[in-house]
N, C-alpha and C. Protein backbone atom coordinates (compact mmCIF):
# COMPACT_ATOMS: atom_id res chain seq x y z
N UNK A 1 2.57 38.78 -10.01
CA UNK A 1 3.82 38.96 -9.30
C UNK A 1 4.10 40.44 -9.14
N UNK A 2 4.59 40.79 -8.03
CA UNK A 2 4.99 42.18 -7.80
C UNK A 2 6.46 42.30 -8.17
N UNK A 3 6.84 43.43 -8.73
CA UNK A 3 8.23 43.64 -9.12
C UNK A 3 8.98 44.29 -7.97
N UNK A 4 10.17 43.77 -7.71
CA UNK A 4 11.01 44.32 -6.67
C UNK A 4 12.38 44.62 -7.30
N UNK A 5 12.77 45.86 -7.23
CA UNK A 5 14.05 46.24 -7.86
C UNK A 5 15.15 46.37 -6.82
N UNK A 6 15.03 45.63 -5.74
CA UNK A 6 16.00 45.69 -4.66
C UNK A 6 17.41 45.39 -5.16
N UNK A 7 18.35 46.26 -4.79
CA UNK A 7 19.74 46.06 -5.24
C UNK A 7 20.43 44.94 -4.49
N UNK A 8 19.79 44.40 -3.44
CA UNK A 8 20.43 43.33 -2.66
C UNK A 8 20.25 41.99 -3.34
N UNK A 9 19.46 41.92 -4.36
CA UNK A 9 19.19 40.65 -5.05
C UNK A 9 20.05 40.59 -6.30
N UNK A 10 20.88 39.52 -6.38
CA UNK A 10 21.73 39.33 -7.56
C UNK A 10 20.87 38.75 -8.67
N UNK A 11 20.92 39.36 -9.84
CA UNK A 11 20.11 38.90 -10.99
C UNK A 11 20.91 39.01 -12.27
N UNK A 12 21.31 37.87 -12.80
CA UNK A 12 22.07 37.81 -14.03
C UNK A 12 21.12 37.73 -15.24
N UNK A 13 21.37 38.53 -16.26
CA UNK A 13 20.52 38.58 -17.45
C UNK A 13 21.02 37.60 -18.53
N UNK A 14 20.10 37.23 -19.39
CA UNK A 14 20.33 36.23 -20.44
C UNK A 14 21.32 36.70 -21.51
N UNK A 15 22.29 35.84 -21.87
CA UNK A 15 23.15 36.04 -22.99
C UNK A 15 23.22 34.71 -23.75
N UNK A 16 23.01 34.79 -25.04
CA UNK A 16 22.98 33.58 -25.90
C UNK A 16 22.09 32.52 -25.22
N UNK A 17 22.56 31.27 -25.18
CA UNK A 17 21.82 30.21 -24.53
C UNK A 17 22.50 29.76 -23.24
N UNK A 18 23.00 30.71 -22.51
CA UNK A 18 23.69 30.39 -21.23
C UNK A 18 22.73 30.50 -20.06
N UNK A 19 21.47 30.16 -20.28
CA UNK A 19 20.46 30.29 -19.20
C UNK A 19 20.79 29.37 -18.02
N UNK A 20 21.42 28.21 -18.24
CA UNK A 20 21.79 27.36 -17.12
C UNK A 20 22.85 28.07 -16.25
N UNK A 21 23.82 28.65 -16.89
CA UNK A 21 24.85 29.41 -16.17
C UNK A 21 24.21 30.55 -15.36
N UNK A 22 23.33 31.32 -15.99
CA UNK A 22 22.68 32.44 -15.32
C UNK A 22 21.78 31.96 -14.18
N UNK A 23 21.07 30.86 -14.43
CA UNK A 23 20.18 30.31 -13.40
C UNK A 23 20.97 29.89 -12.15
N UNK A 24 22.09 29.24 -12.38
CA UNK A 24 22.91 28.80 -11.25
C UNK A 24 23.49 29.96 -10.46
N UNK A 25 23.95 31.00 -11.17
CA UNK A 25 24.50 32.18 -10.48
C UNK A 25 23.39 32.90 -9.74
N UNK A 26 22.18 32.95 -10.34
CA UNK A 26 21.04 33.56 -9.64
C UNK A 26 20.65 32.74 -8.42
N UNK A 27 20.70 31.43 -8.53
CA UNK A 27 20.37 30.55 -7.42
C UNK A 27 21.34 30.80 -6.25
N UNK A 28 22.64 30.88 -6.54
CA UNK A 28 23.63 31.07 -5.50
C UNK A 28 23.80 32.53 -5.11
N UNK A 29 23.10 33.42 -5.84
CA UNK A 29 23.15 34.84 -5.55
C UNK A 29 24.57 35.38 -5.53
N UNK A 30 25.32 34.97 -6.59
CA UNK A 30 26.71 35.36 -6.64
C UNK A 30 27.20 35.35 -8.08
N UNK A 31 27.81 36.45 -8.50
CA UNK A 31 28.44 36.51 -9.81
C UNK A 31 29.59 35.51 -9.80
N UNK A 32 29.69 34.74 -10.83
CA UNK A 32 30.75 33.76 -11.03
C UNK A 32 30.79 32.66 -9.99
N UNK A 33 29.62 32.37 -9.35
CA UNK A 33 29.54 31.13 -8.58
C UNK A 33 29.86 29.98 -9.51
N UNK A 34 29.40 30.17 -10.75
CA UNK A 34 29.74 29.25 -11.84
C UNK A 34 30.15 30.14 -13.04
N UNK A 35 31.05 29.62 -13.85
CA UNK A 35 31.49 30.32 -15.05
C UNK A 35 31.34 29.41 -16.26
N UNK A 36 31.44 29.97 -17.45
CA UNK A 36 31.43 29.11 -18.64
C UNK A 36 32.50 28.07 -18.55
N UNK A 37 33.67 28.51 -18.13
CA UNK A 37 34.81 27.58 -17.99
C UNK A 37 34.54 26.44 -17.01
N UNK A 38 33.95 26.79 -15.87
CA UNK A 38 33.69 25.75 -14.85
C UNK A 38 32.62 24.76 -15.35
N UNK A 39 31.59 25.27 -16.03
CA UNK A 39 30.55 24.36 -16.58
C UNK A 39 31.11 23.54 -17.73
N UNK A 40 31.98 24.13 -18.56
CA UNK A 40 32.63 23.35 -19.62
C UNK A 40 33.46 22.22 -19.04
N UNK A 41 34.17 22.48 -17.93
CA UNK A 41 34.94 21.47 -17.24
C UNK A 41 34.07 20.33 -16.76
N UNK A 42 32.92 20.67 -16.19
CA UNK A 42 31.97 19.66 -15.71
C UNK A 42 31.51 18.83 -16.90
N UNK A 43 31.17 19.46 -18.00
CA UNK A 43 30.69 18.73 -19.17
C UNK A 43 31.76 17.81 -19.73
N UNK A 44 33.02 18.27 -19.76
CA UNK A 44 34.14 17.45 -20.26
C UNK A 44 34.38 16.25 -19.33
N UNK A 45 34.28 16.49 -18.03
CA UNK A 45 34.45 15.41 -17.06
C UNK A 45 33.38 14.34 -17.22
N UNK A 46 32.15 14.79 -17.52
CA UNK A 46 31.05 13.84 -17.75
C UNK A 46 31.34 12.96 -18.98
N UNK A 47 31.93 13.56 -20.00
CA UNK A 47 32.27 12.79 -21.22
C UNK A 47 33.30 11.74 -20.89
N UNK A 48 34.31 12.09 -20.08
CA UNK A 48 35.35 11.14 -19.72
C UNK A 48 34.83 10.00 -18.90
N UNK A 49 33.82 10.27 -18.06
CA UNK A 49 33.26 9.25 -17.19
C UNK A 49 32.18 8.42 -17.86
N UNK A 50 31.74 8.82 -19.04
CA UNK A 50 30.66 8.17 -19.75
C UNK A 50 31.11 6.76 -20.23
N UNK A 51 30.35 5.73 -19.86
CA UNK A 51 30.77 4.38 -20.27
C UNK A 51 30.61 4.14 -21.78
N UNK A 52 29.66 4.73 -22.41
CA UNK A 52 29.41 4.56 -23.84
C UNK A 52 29.80 5.82 -24.58
N UNK A 53 31.08 6.11 -24.65
CA UNK A 53 31.55 7.32 -25.29
C UNK A 53 31.17 7.31 -26.76
N UNK A 54 30.68 8.48 -27.19
CA UNK A 54 30.33 8.62 -28.60
C UNK A 54 31.60 8.71 -29.42
N UNK A 55 31.51 8.28 -30.68
CA UNK A 55 32.66 8.36 -31.57
C UNK A 55 32.77 9.82 -32.05
N UNK A 56 33.99 10.27 -32.28
CA UNK A 56 34.24 11.62 -32.73
C UNK A 56 33.75 11.78 -34.17
N UNK A 57 33.13 12.90 -34.43
CA UNK A 57 32.73 13.30 -35.78
C UNK A 57 33.15 14.75 -35.94
N UNK A 58 33.16 15.27 -37.19
CA UNK A 58 33.52 16.69 -37.37
C UNK A 58 32.59 17.64 -36.56
N UNK A 59 31.39 17.21 -36.28
CA UNK A 59 30.47 18.04 -35.50
C UNK A 59 30.76 18.02 -34.01
N UNK A 60 31.62 17.09 -33.58
CA UNK A 60 31.93 16.94 -32.14
C UNK A 60 32.59 18.18 -31.56
N UNK A 61 33.24 18.98 -32.41
CA UNK A 61 33.88 20.21 -31.92
C UNK A 61 32.85 21.19 -31.39
N UNK A 62 31.69 21.28 -32.01
CA UNK A 62 30.64 22.20 -31.59
C UNK A 62 29.57 21.53 -30.73
N UNK A 63 29.14 20.35 -31.14
CA UNK A 63 28.01 19.70 -30.49
C UNK A 63 28.52 18.54 -29.61
N UNK A 64 28.89 18.92 -28.42
CA UNK A 64 29.43 17.92 -27.49
C UNK A 64 28.25 17.21 -26.79
N UNK A 65 28.51 16.07 -26.21
CA UNK A 65 27.41 15.30 -25.61
C UNK A 65 26.59 16.06 -24.55
N UNK A 66 27.22 16.95 -23.77
CA UNK A 66 26.52 17.59 -22.67
C UNK A 66 26.38 19.10 -22.82
N UNK A 67 26.93 19.65 -23.89
CA UNK A 67 26.72 21.08 -24.17
C UNK A 67 27.07 21.41 -25.60
N UNK A 68 26.51 22.55 -26.04
CA UNK A 68 26.76 23.07 -27.37
C UNK A 68 27.79 24.17 -27.24
N UNK A 69 28.97 23.96 -27.79
CA UNK A 69 30.04 24.95 -27.66
C UNK A 69 29.74 26.27 -28.35
N UNK A 70 28.92 26.22 -29.37
CA UNK A 70 28.57 27.42 -30.11
C UNK A 70 27.61 28.33 -29.34
N UNK A 71 26.55 27.76 -28.84
CA UNK A 71 25.50 28.57 -28.17
C UNK A 71 25.62 28.58 -26.65
N UNK A 72 26.27 27.58 -26.08
CA UNK A 72 26.41 27.50 -24.62
C UNK A 72 25.32 26.72 -23.94
N UNK A 73 24.50 26.05 -24.67
CA UNK A 73 23.38 25.30 -24.09
C UNK A 73 23.95 24.06 -23.39
N UNK A 74 23.63 23.92 -22.07
CA UNK A 74 24.06 22.77 -21.28
C UNK A 74 22.87 21.87 -20.95
N UNK A 75 23.12 20.59 -20.71
CA UNK A 75 22.04 19.67 -20.38
C UNK A 75 21.94 19.44 -18.88
N UNK A 76 20.96 18.67 -18.50
CA UNK A 76 20.63 18.40 -17.10
C UNK A 76 21.78 17.73 -16.36
N UNK A 77 22.56 16.91 -17.06
CA UNK A 77 23.67 16.22 -16.41
C UNK A 77 24.71 17.21 -15.89
N UNK A 78 24.96 18.29 -16.65
CA UNK A 78 25.89 19.31 -16.23
C UNK A 78 25.32 20.02 -15.01
N UNK A 79 24.05 20.31 -15.00
CA UNK A 79 23.39 20.97 -13.85
C UNK A 79 23.57 20.13 -12.61
N UNK A 80 23.23 18.87 -12.66
CA UNK A 80 23.29 18.02 -11.50
C UNK A 80 24.72 17.86 -10.98
N UNK A 81 25.66 17.61 -11.87
CA UNK A 81 27.05 17.43 -11.48
C UNK A 81 27.63 18.73 -10.88
N UNK A 82 27.31 19.87 -11.47
CA UNK A 82 27.82 21.14 -10.97
C UNK A 82 27.26 21.44 -9.58
N UNK A 83 25.98 21.16 -9.37
CA UNK A 83 25.40 21.38 -8.04
C UNK A 83 25.94 20.40 -7.01
N UNK A 84 26.16 19.16 -7.41
CA UNK A 84 26.72 18.18 -6.49
C UNK A 84 28.15 18.59 -6.09
N UNK A 85 28.88 19.19 -6.99
CA UNK A 85 30.23 19.69 -6.67
C UNK A 85 30.19 20.78 -5.62
N UNK A 86 29.05 21.47 -5.49
CA UNK A 86 28.87 22.52 -4.51
C UNK A 86 28.13 22.03 -3.27
N UNK A 87 28.00 20.70 -3.16
CA UNK A 87 27.38 20.13 -1.99
C UNK A 87 25.84 20.21 -1.97
N UNK A 88 25.26 20.31 -3.15
CA UNK A 88 23.79 20.37 -3.24
C UNK A 88 23.28 19.04 -3.85
N UNK A 89 22.01 18.81 -3.64
CA UNK A 89 21.36 17.62 -4.16
C UNK A 89 20.18 18.08 -5.01
N UNK A 90 19.97 17.46 -6.15
CA UNK A 90 18.86 17.82 -7.04
C UNK A 90 17.81 16.74 -6.99
N UNK A 91 16.56 17.12 -6.73
CA UNK A 91 15.45 16.18 -6.69
C UNK A 91 14.48 16.58 -7.79
N UNK A 92 14.24 15.63 -8.70
CA UNK A 92 13.28 15.88 -9.77
C UNK A 92 11.90 15.72 -9.19
N UNK A 93 11.11 16.81 -9.25
CA UNK A 93 9.74 16.81 -8.67
C UNK A 93 8.80 16.02 -9.57
N UNK A 94 8.04 15.12 -8.96
CA UNK A 94 7.06 14.34 -9.71
C UNK A 94 5.89 15.23 -10.11
N UNK A 95 5.84 15.54 -11.39
CA UNK A 95 4.85 16.47 -11.94
C UNK A 95 3.40 16.04 -11.71
N UNK A 96 3.21 14.73 -11.49
CA UNK A 96 1.85 14.24 -11.25
C UNK A 96 1.29 14.74 -9.91
N UNK A 97 2.16 15.18 -9.03
CA UNK A 97 1.75 15.64 -7.71
C UNK A 97 1.44 17.13 -7.67
N UNK A 98 1.84 17.86 -8.70
CA UNK A 98 1.61 19.30 -8.68
C UNK A 98 2.51 19.95 -7.64
N UNK A 99 2.40 21.27 -7.54
CA UNK A 99 3.29 22.02 -6.65
C UNK A 99 2.85 22.00 -5.21
N UNK A 100 1.67 21.51 -4.95
CA UNK A 100 1.16 21.53 -3.56
C UNK A 100 1.98 20.69 -2.62
N UNK A 101 2.76 19.73 -3.15
CA UNK A 101 3.56 18.85 -2.28
C UNK A 101 4.96 19.41 -2.00
N UNK A 102 5.28 20.58 -2.55
CA UNK A 102 6.61 21.19 -2.33
C UNK A 102 6.51 22.10 -1.11
N UNK A 103 7.41 21.90 -0.14
CA UNK A 103 7.42 22.73 1.06
C UNK A 103 8.14 24.04 0.77
N UNK A 104 7.38 25.08 0.46
CA UNK A 104 7.90 26.39 0.18
C UNK A 104 7.85 27.33 1.40
N UNK A 105 7.25 26.84 2.46
CA UNK A 105 7.00 27.69 3.63
C UNK A 105 8.09 27.62 4.69
N UNK A 106 9.05 26.76 4.50
CA UNK A 106 10.14 26.61 5.50
C UNK A 106 11.06 27.80 5.53
N UNK A 107 11.91 27.89 6.56
CA UNK A 107 12.87 28.99 6.64
C UNK A 107 13.90 28.89 5.50
N UNK A 108 14.55 30.01 5.20
CA UNK A 108 15.53 30.04 4.11
C UNK A 108 16.69 29.09 4.32
N UNK A 109 17.07 28.84 5.54
CA UNK A 109 18.19 27.93 5.79
C UNK A 109 17.74 26.46 5.92
N UNK A 110 16.48 26.21 5.50
CA UNK A 110 15.96 24.85 5.54
C UNK A 110 16.60 24.03 4.43
N UNK A 111 16.09 22.84 4.26
CA UNK A 111 16.63 21.90 3.29
C UNK A 111 16.53 22.42 1.82
N UNK A 112 15.44 23.11 1.50
CA UNK A 112 15.23 23.58 0.11
C UNK A 112 15.99 24.88 -0.11
N UNK A 113 17.00 24.82 -1.01
CA UNK A 113 17.74 26.03 -1.37
C UNK A 113 16.95 26.88 -2.37
N UNK A 114 16.35 26.21 -3.36
CA UNK A 114 15.61 26.92 -4.40
C UNK A 114 15.01 25.93 -5.34
N UNK A 115 14.37 26.48 -6.38
CA UNK A 115 13.68 25.68 -7.38
C UNK A 115 14.21 26.08 -8.75
N UNK A 116 14.55 25.08 -9.54
CA UNK A 116 14.93 25.32 -10.94
C UNK A 116 13.85 24.72 -11.83
N UNK A 117 13.49 25.49 -12.83
CA UNK A 117 12.50 25.02 -13.81
C UNK A 117 13.17 24.89 -15.15
N UNK A 118 12.78 23.90 -15.90
CA UNK A 118 13.21 23.78 -17.27
C UNK A 118 11.94 23.84 -18.13
N UNK A 119 11.77 24.96 -18.83
CA UNK A 119 10.49 25.21 -19.49
C UNK A 119 10.68 25.26 -21.02
N UNK A 120 9.65 24.79 -21.76
CA UNK A 120 9.75 24.85 -23.23
C UNK A 120 9.55 26.31 -23.68
N UNK A 121 10.29 26.68 -24.73
CA UNK A 121 10.15 28.00 -25.34
C UNK A 121 10.13 27.83 -26.85
N UNK A 122 9.45 28.78 -27.46
CA UNK A 122 9.40 28.84 -28.94
C UNK A 122 9.95 30.19 -29.34
N UNK A 123 10.84 30.19 -30.32
CA UNK A 123 11.41 31.44 -30.80
C UNK A 123 11.26 31.49 -32.32
N UNK A 124 11.48 32.69 -32.83
CA UNK A 124 11.41 32.92 -34.27
C UNK A 124 10.09 32.45 -34.84
N UNK A 125 9.02 33.06 -34.32
CA UNK A 125 7.65 32.78 -34.75
C UNK A 125 7.28 31.31 -34.63
N UNK A 126 7.82 30.66 -33.61
CA UNK A 126 7.51 29.26 -33.36
C UNK A 126 8.30 28.27 -34.16
N UNK A 127 9.22 28.73 -34.99
CA UNK A 127 10.01 27.82 -35.84
C UNK A 127 11.12 27.10 -35.06
N UNK A 128 11.58 27.69 -33.98
CA UNK A 128 12.67 27.13 -33.18
C UNK A 128 12.11 26.73 -31.82
N UNK A 129 12.20 25.46 -31.47
CA UNK A 129 11.78 25.00 -30.17
C UNK A 129 13.06 24.73 -29.33
N UNK A 130 12.99 25.17 -28.10
CA UNK A 130 14.12 24.98 -27.20
C UNK A 130 13.59 24.89 -25.79
N UNK A 131 14.48 24.87 -24.83
CA UNK A 131 14.10 24.88 -23.39
C UNK A 131 14.94 25.94 -22.70
N UNK A 132 14.38 26.43 -21.58
CA UNK A 132 14.99 27.53 -20.86
C UNK A 132 14.99 27.23 -19.37
N UNK A 133 16.10 27.56 -18.69
CA UNK A 133 16.24 27.36 -17.26
C UNK A 133 15.81 28.61 -16.50
N UNK A 134 15.03 28.44 -15.47
CA UNK A 134 14.52 29.53 -14.64
C UNK A 134 14.76 29.20 -13.18
N UNK A 135 15.17 30.20 -12.39
CA UNK A 135 15.41 30.01 -10.96
C UNK A 135 14.35 30.72 -10.14
N UNK A 136 13.85 30.03 -9.09
CA UNK A 136 13.00 30.61 -8.07
C UNK A 136 13.76 30.45 -6.75
N UNK A 137 13.83 31.53 -5.96
CA UNK A 137 14.60 31.46 -4.71
C UNK A 137 13.93 32.34 -3.66
N UNK A 138 13.98 31.88 -2.46
CA UNK A 138 13.47 32.64 -1.32
C UNK A 138 14.61 33.49 -0.75
N UNK A 139 14.43 34.82 -0.74
CA UNK A 139 15.45 35.74 -0.27
C UNK A 139 14.78 36.73 0.69
N UNK A 140 15.29 36.83 1.86
CA UNK A 140 14.71 37.77 2.84
C UNK A 140 13.27 37.44 3.16
N UNK A 141 12.92 36.15 3.12
CA UNK A 141 11.57 35.70 3.44
C UNK A 141 10.58 35.82 2.28
N UNK A 142 11.03 36.25 1.13
CA UNK A 142 10.16 36.46 -0.05
C UNK A 142 10.66 35.59 -1.20
N UNK A 143 9.74 34.90 -1.87
CA UNK A 143 10.10 34.10 -3.06
C UNK A 143 10.19 35.05 -4.27
N UNK A 144 11.25 34.83 -5.09
CA UNK A 144 11.48 35.64 -6.30
C UNK A 144 11.62 34.74 -7.52
N UNK A 145 11.12 35.26 -8.63
CA UNK A 145 11.40 34.67 -9.93
C UNK A 145 12.63 35.38 -10.45
N UNK A 146 13.72 34.63 -10.60
CA UNK A 146 15.00 35.18 -11.04
C UNK A 146 15.32 34.80 -12.49
N UNK A 147 14.28 34.62 -13.30
CA UNK A 147 14.44 34.27 -14.70
C UNK A 147 15.37 35.26 -15.39
N UNK A 148 16.39 34.74 -16.04
CA UNK A 148 17.38 35.62 -16.71
C UNK A 148 16.79 36.37 -17.88
N UNK A 149 15.64 36.01 -18.36
CA UNK A 149 14.96 36.76 -19.42
C UNK A 149 14.21 37.98 -18.90
N UNK A 150 14.01 38.05 -17.57
CA UNK A 150 13.34 39.21 -16.98
C UNK A 150 14.31 40.38 -16.84
N UNK A 151 13.78 41.59 -16.93
CA UNK A 151 14.61 42.79 -16.75
C UNK A 151 15.09 42.87 -15.31
N UNK A 152 14.24 42.46 -14.37
CA UNK A 152 14.58 42.50 -12.94
C UNK A 152 13.87 41.34 -12.26
N UNK A 153 14.34 40.94 -11.09
CA UNK A 153 13.67 39.88 -10.34
C UNK A 153 12.20 40.30 -10.06
N UNK A 154 11.34 39.30 -10.02
CA UNK A 154 9.94 39.58 -9.71
C UNK A 154 9.55 38.82 -8.40
N UNK A 155 9.05 39.56 -7.44
CA UNK A 155 8.67 39.00 -6.17
C UNK A 155 7.27 38.38 -6.26
N UNK A 156 7.11 37.22 -5.63
CA UNK A 156 5.77 36.61 -5.51
C UNK A 156 5.14 37.16 -4.24
N UNK A 157 3.81 37.29 -4.28
CA UNK A 157 3.09 37.79 -3.10
C UNK A 157 3.24 36.85 -1.89
N UNK A 158 3.20 35.55 -2.15
CA UNK A 158 3.29 34.56 -1.09
C UNK A 158 3.59 33.20 -1.69
N UNK A 159 3.77 32.20 -0.85
CA UNK A 159 4.12 30.86 -1.31
C UNK A 159 3.01 30.25 -2.17
N UNK A 160 1.77 30.61 -1.93
CA UNK A 160 0.67 30.10 -2.73
C UNK A 160 0.79 30.57 -4.18
N UNK A 161 1.23 31.82 -4.37
CA UNK A 161 1.43 32.35 -5.74
C UNK A 161 2.57 31.61 -6.44
N UNK A 162 3.57 31.21 -5.68
CA UNK A 162 4.68 30.41 -6.24
C UNK A 162 4.13 29.08 -6.70
N UNK A 163 3.29 28.45 -5.89
CA UNK A 163 2.68 27.16 -6.25
C UNK A 163 1.81 27.28 -7.51
N UNK A 164 1.07 28.37 -7.60
CA UNK A 164 0.24 28.60 -8.80
C UNK A 164 1.12 28.74 -10.04
N UNK A 165 2.22 29.48 -9.89
CA UNK A 165 3.17 29.64 -11.00
C UNK A 165 3.77 28.29 -11.40
N UNK A 166 4.20 27.51 -10.40
CA UNK A 166 4.77 26.22 -10.69
C UNK A 166 3.75 25.28 -11.36
N UNK A 167 2.52 25.28 -10.87
CA UNK A 167 1.50 24.44 -11.48
C UNK A 167 1.24 24.87 -12.95
N UNK A 168 1.25 26.17 -13.18
CA UNK A 168 1.07 26.66 -14.56
C UNK A 168 2.20 26.15 -15.43
N UNK A 169 3.45 26.27 -14.96
CA UNK A 169 4.61 25.83 -15.72
C UNK A 169 4.58 24.30 -15.95
N UNK A 170 4.18 23.55 -14.94
CA UNK A 170 4.09 22.09 -15.09
C UNK A 170 3.02 21.78 -16.14
N UNK A 171 1.90 22.48 -16.12
CA UNK A 171 0.82 22.27 -17.08
C UNK A 171 1.21 22.61 -18.52
N UNK A 172 2.27 23.41 -18.67
CA UNK A 172 2.73 23.81 -20.00
C UNK A 172 4.06 23.16 -20.36
N UNK A 173 4.34 21.99 -19.74
CA UNK A 173 5.52 21.23 -20.13
C UNK A 173 6.78 21.50 -19.34
N UNK A 174 6.68 22.31 -18.31
CA UNK A 174 7.85 22.61 -17.49
C UNK A 174 8.22 21.47 -16.57
N UNK A 175 9.49 21.33 -16.33
CA UNK A 175 10.00 20.33 -15.39
C UNK A 175 10.51 21.07 -14.16
N UNK A 176 10.22 20.57 -12.99
CA UNK A 176 10.58 21.23 -11.72
C UNK A 176 11.66 20.41 -11.03
N UNK A 177 12.74 21.07 -10.68
CA UNK A 177 13.84 20.45 -9.96
C UNK A 177 14.05 21.22 -8.66
N UNK A 178 14.06 20.46 -7.57
CA UNK A 178 14.26 21.06 -6.27
C UNK A 178 15.75 20.97 -5.89
N UNK A 179 16.36 22.07 -5.58
CA UNK A 179 17.77 22.10 -5.18
C UNK A 179 17.81 22.09 -3.67
N UNK A 180 18.36 21.02 -3.15
CA UNK A 180 18.37 20.79 -1.69
C UNK A 180 19.77 21.00 -1.11
N UNK A 181 19.78 21.59 0.08
CA UNK A 181 21.03 21.72 0.82
C UNK A 181 21.31 20.35 1.45
N UNK A 182 22.53 19.86 1.32
CA UNK A 182 22.88 18.63 2.00
C UNK A 182 23.18 18.96 3.43
N UNK A 183 22.53 18.22 4.32
CA UNK A 183 22.77 18.48 5.77
C UNK A 183 23.26 17.23 6.42
């Protein structure tokens, strides 16, 4: 990947476990497209709508069904509901097909807004296993890796390099979600 330090690209950096928040803001290329407060509201709404509500325990204050209040870690349900609230549709890519079936070559205003990855990570010498959200987005005709753990966005040479990256991530346990514009 080639590095591009263009100031026209919005890139939010990682804080605590708010990678879903950062990924969404990077996807929308806008600071505060989503906030902790707005994602917390989505998570609370999901709890109210849940048919099998969990019983309250002393841990419920920190470890809520759809997010961890202490670290900020949100689950896939919050992602999908938050994107649907913005008029987007999320399609879970069938990993058995690889990245070759994803149309990355269309124009930026096409149906595909961007790609979100949920990848496994190990921290603290492998003692802590978790997952991390990563955004890929086409901006100005170039695909970028907008991972909040990166110092700056990284440009891909072409769509084929994006597919190679996606196939690598799929091969290492990553899940690929396609964010679609509703038309």
